[in-house]
Amino acid sequence: MFLTQTICPDIRVAIDDFAKILSGDLIEIEFTIESKNDYEYIVINDGKPAGFEPVSVLSAYTQNNLGAFVEMRNTSVRFYVQRV
């Protein structure tokens, strides 16, 4: 996990275990997917920690490398990916 400072959003600082996080801090989650095989049509379910809220609450296709459809839910974020 990375803490992006609200004063300068270009700065990313790694968060240590049990680090103090303040209300209003922007937390960016980065995860890596590795696979020995090629897959089609998979769902990645990323659970949200208690008290966290998404920046964007609309479900939509993303413009990242996965090109996934992202579905925002109350307790998790789901990524629907066509190919990995």
Protein backbone atom coordinates (compact mmCIF):
# COMPACT_ATOMS: atom_id res chain seq x y z
CA MET A 1 0.00 0.00 0.00
CA PHE A 2 1.09 3.51 -0.66
CA LEU A 3 0.11 6.74 1.01
CA THR A 4 -0.26 9.58 -1.46
CA GLN A 5 0.08 12.89 0.33
CA THR A 6 -2.82 15.25 -0.25
CA ILE A 7 -0.49 18.28 -0.37
CA CYS A 8 1.53 16.95 -3.30
CA PRO A 9 -0.24 14.05 -5.08
CA ASP A 10 2.88 13.13 -7.08
CA ILE A 11 4.65 11.85 -3.96
CA ARG A 12 4.02 8.22 -2.98
CA VAL A 13 5.29 6.86 0.35
CA ALA A 14 5.10 3.18 1.29
CA ILE A 15 2.97 2.50 4.37
CA ASP A 16 4.50 0.33 7.08
CA ASP A 17 2.45 -2.14 9.09
CA PHE A 18 0.47 -0.42 11.87
CA ALA A 19 1.31 3.03 10.50
CA LYS A 20 -0.93 5.90 11.56
CA ILE A 21 -3.33 7.00 8.82
CA LEU A 22 -5.36 10.16 9.20
CA SER A 23 -8.85 10.89 7.97
CA GLY A 24 -8.67 12.34 4.47
CA ASP A 25 -5.41 10.60 3.51
CA LEU A 26 -5.47 9.16 0.01
CA ILE A 27 -4.39 5.51 0.03
CA GLU A 28 -3.38 3.91 -3.26
CA ILE A 29 -3.40 0.13 -3.54
CA GLU A 30 -1.10 -1.53 -6.04
CA PHE A 31 -1.23 -5.25 -6.66
CA THR A 32 0.61 -7.48 -9.11
CA ILE A 33 -0.90 -10.46 -10.89
CA GLU A 34 1.41 -13.25 -12.03
CA SER A 35 0.27 -16.33 -13.89
CA LYS A 36 1.96 -19.35 -15.45
CA ASN A 37 -0.88 -19.64 -17.98
CA ASP A 38 -2.96 -17.30 -20.09
CA TYR A 39 -6.51 -16.81 -18.82
CA GLU A 40 -9.66 -15.29 -20.25
CA TYR A 41 -12.62 -13.79 -18.42
CA ILE A 42 -11.51 -13.69 -14.80
CA VAL A 43 -12.79 -11.72 -11.80
CA ILE A 44 -10.42 -10.14 -9.29
CA ASN A 45 -12.15 -9.29 -6.00
CA ASP A 46 -10.28 -6.76 -3.84
CA GLY A 47 -11.83 -6.30 -0.39
CA LYS A 48 -11.93 -2.80 1.09
CA PRO A 49 -10.65 -2.34 4.65
CA ALA A 50 -13.10 -0.96 7.20
CA GLY A 51 -13.47 2.80 7.01
CA PHE A 52 -12.08 3.15 3.50
CA GLU A 53 -14.11 4.86 0.76
CA PRO A 54 -13.34 4.88 -2.99
CA VAL A 55 -12.40 8.13 -4.73
CA SER A 56 -14.60 7.26 -7.71
CA VAL A 57 -17.89 5.54 -6.88
CA LEU A 58 -19.00 4.88 -10.46
CA SER A 59 -18.56 1.47 -12.05
CA ALA A 60 -16.94 1.75 -15.49
CA TYR A 61 -14.25 0.48 -17.83
CA THR A 62 -10.74 1.56 -16.87
CA GLN A 63 -8.03 3.00 -19.09
CA ASN A 64 -5.23 0.96 -17.52
CA ASN A 65 -3.25 -1.97 -18.97
CA LEU A 66 -5.92 -4.50 -18.00
CA GLY A 67 -8.76 -2.65 -19.70
CA ALA A 68 -10.99 -4.11 -17.01
CA PHE A 69 -14.52 -3.23 -16.05
CA VAL A 70 -14.38 -2.03 -12.43
CA GLU A 71 -17.44 -2.55 -10.25
CA MET A 72 -17.57 -0.60 -6.99
CA ARG A 73 -19.36 -2.36 -4.13
CA ASN A 74 -19.84 -1.55 -0.44
CA THR A 75 -17.24 -4.02 0.81
CA SER A 76 -15.07 -4.65 -2.24
CA VAL A 77 -13.98 -3.62 -5.71
CA ARG A 78 -14.31 -6.16 -8.51
CA PHE A 79 -12.25 -6.14 -11.68
CA TYR A 80 -13.66 -8.05 -14.65
CA VAL A 81 -10.72 -8.79 -16.93
CA GLN A 82 -10.93 -10.28 -20.43
CA ARG A 83 -7.33 -11.51 -20.71
CA VAL A 84 -4.39 -12.05 -18.37
